[in-house]
Amino acid sequence: MKRSRHTPEQIIRKLREAERLQGEGKTIGEVVKHLEVSEQTFHRWRNQYG
């Protein structure tokens, strides 16, 4: 699997999408799978850009 770097704009867009999905009742596991990032990356992004 190729690693990719996300720009801050992409990260913010994905975090907004994650908030929307969680609002629909999705679990963290389902959200990170949809965003195609690891759970650890998701939590790190949320702490940095949250």
C-alpha atoms as a PDB file:
ATOM      1  CA  MET A   1       0.000   0.000   0.000  1.00  0.00           C
ATOM      2  CA  LYS A   2       1.394   3.379  -1.018  1.00  0.00           C
ATOM      3  CA  ARG A   3       1.601   6.021   1.694  1.00  0.00           C
ATOM      4  CA  SER A   4       0.233   9.400   0.807  1.00  0.00           C
ATOM      5  CA  ARG A   5       0.592  12.744   2.489  1.00  0.00           C
ATOM      6  CA  HIS A   6      -2.540  14.766   2.976  1.00  0.00           C
ATOM      7  CA  THR A   7      -2.564  18.535   2.789  1.00  0.00           C
ATOM      8  CA  PRO A   8      -4.093  20.446   5.703  1.00  0.00           C
ATOM      9  CA  GLU A   9      -7.083  21.252   3.472  1.00  0.00           C
ATOM     10  CA  GLN A  10      -7.634  17.553   2.748  1.00  0.00           C
ATOM     11  CA  ILE A  11      -7.336  16.691   6.437  1.00  0.00           C
ATOM     12  CA  ILE A  12      -9.893  19.322   7.445  1.00  0.00           C
ATOM     13  CA  ARG A  13     -12.257  18.108   4.719  1.00  0.00           C
ATOM     14  CA  LYS A  14     -11.932  14.525   5.963  1.00  0.00           C
ATOM     15  CA  LEU A  15     -12.485  15.586   9.579  1.00  0.00           C
ATOM     16  CA  ARG A  16     -15.696  17.375   8.566  1.00  0.00           C
ATOM     17  CA  GLU A  17     -16.817  14.264   6.705  1.00  0.00           C
ATOM     18  CA  ALA A  18     -16.026  12.216   9.821  1.00  0.00           C
ATOM     19  CA  GLU A  19     -18.180  14.516  11.979  1.00  0.00           C
ATOM     20  CA  ARG A  20     -21.056  14.112   9.530  1.00  0.00           C
ATOM     21  CA  LEU A  21     -20.716  10.317   9.516  1.00  0.00           C
ATOM     22  CA  GLN A  22     -20.569  10.171  13.311  1.00  0.00           C
ATOM     23  CA  GLY A  23     -23.680  12.323  13.435  1.00  0.00           C
ATOM     24  CA  GLU A  24     -25.388   9.657  11.336  1.00  0.00           C
ATOM     25  CA  GLY A  25     -24.500   7.069  13.969  1.00  0.00           C
ATOM     26  CA  LYS A  26     -21.431   5.469  12.382  1.00  0.00           C
ATOM     27  CA  THR A  27     -18.751   4.018  14.641  1.00  0.00           C
ATOM     28  CA  ILE A  28     -15.140   5.222  14.617  1.00  0.00           C
ATOM     29  CA  GLY A  29     -14.151   2.002  12.844  1.00  0.00           C
ATOM     30  CA  GLU A  30     -16.674   2.604  10.075  1.00  0.00           C
ATOM     31  CA  VAL A  31     -15.627   6.251   9.763  1.00  0.00           C
ATOM     32  CA  VAL A  32     -11.895   5.550   9.389  1.00  0.00           C
ATOM     33  CA  LYS A  33     -12.611   2.802   6.876  1.00  0.00           C
ATOM     34  CA  HIS A  34     -14.702   5.243   4.827  1.00  0.00           C
ATOM     35  CA  LEU A  35     -11.956   7.904   5.025  1.00  0.00           C
ATOM     36  CA  GLU A  36      -9.272   5.311   4.176  1.00  0.00           C
ATOM     37  CA  VAL A  37      -7.003   6.255   7.092  1.00  0.00           C
ATOM     38  CA  SER A  38      -5.967   4.391  10.224  1.00  0.00           C
ATOM     39  CA  GLU A  39      -7.685   5.003  13.525  1.00  0.00           C
ATOM     40  CA  GLN A  40      -4.412   6.307  14.965  1.00  0.00           C
ATOM     41  CA  THR A  41      -4.091   8.828  12.120  1.00  0.00           C
ATOM     42  CA  PHE A  42      -7.684   9.938  12.614  1.00  0.00           C
ATOM     43  CA  HIS A  43      -7.145  10.613  16.320  1.00  0.00           C
ATOM     44  CA  ARG A  44      -3.856  12.432  15.650  1.00  0.00           C
ATOM     45  CA  TRP A  45      -5.546  14.648  13.049  1.00  0.00           C
ATOM     46  CA  ARG A  46      -8.392  15.387  15.423  1.00  0.00           C
ATOM     47  CA  ASN A  47      -5.930  16.435  18.131  1.00  0.00           C
ATOM     48  CA  GLN A  48      -3.918  18.628  15.742  1.00  0.00           C
ATOM     49  CA  TYR A  49      -6.713  20.158  13.671  1.00  0.00           C
ATOM     50  CA  GLY A  50      -9.703  19.390  15.852  1.00  0.00           C
END
